[in-house]
Amino acid sequence: MKATETKRNIKTIATITIFVLVALVVPKSAWCVPTYYEMYVEKECAAAEETELFLPGIAHLTVPAGALDVDTDIGMQVSFWWNADSPDVVLEFGPHGTFFNTPVEVRLSLLMMHFYHGDEIAIQYYNDETGMWEWVETIEVNYWTRNYTVQLDHFSIYAFVKIRSGN
């Protein structure tokens, strides 16, 4: 790992930690004004090798060897909008519209995303052709660690949707 990449990871982890600590200290009822936060990471993905991409504490993307036909720069961006009602979390993977020979795996952590115990969460992606949000099947949910694992056959915009509140 390069020194600049290590420094960027440390800065990202520190920023997330501070943001989450503030979010946990401020009561949900005091959040009158929506809050917005965004992070982005990218990496070269060699077609012949497994590649992993991390947004520390939020998402872990694994692209298996052979999933892509050619070497490709891949990226992952997470955006948070918090308001008094619920958080909205959007993950965008790129290059947008990239399809894979074999599915890629994404492990998502809701621990730092301010969803609450008992909240029922689903994942959707935006279909450019229909202009509609479509459901993504969650293949594994670990309720203890609050990790969701999904397999994706293409890159798009994905959103976490609170179906039912646990409060």
Foldseek 3Di string as FASTA:
>chain_A
DDPVVVVVLVVLVVVLVVVLVVVVVDDLQPFADKDKDKDKDKDKDAQQAWDWDDNPPFKIKIDHRNFDPGIDIKMKMWMWIRGSPGIKIKIFIPPAWAFTPFWIKMKGFCPSVPADQQFDKFKWFQDPVVRDTGGFDFPDADSVRRITMGTDRGTGMMIIDGPDHGD
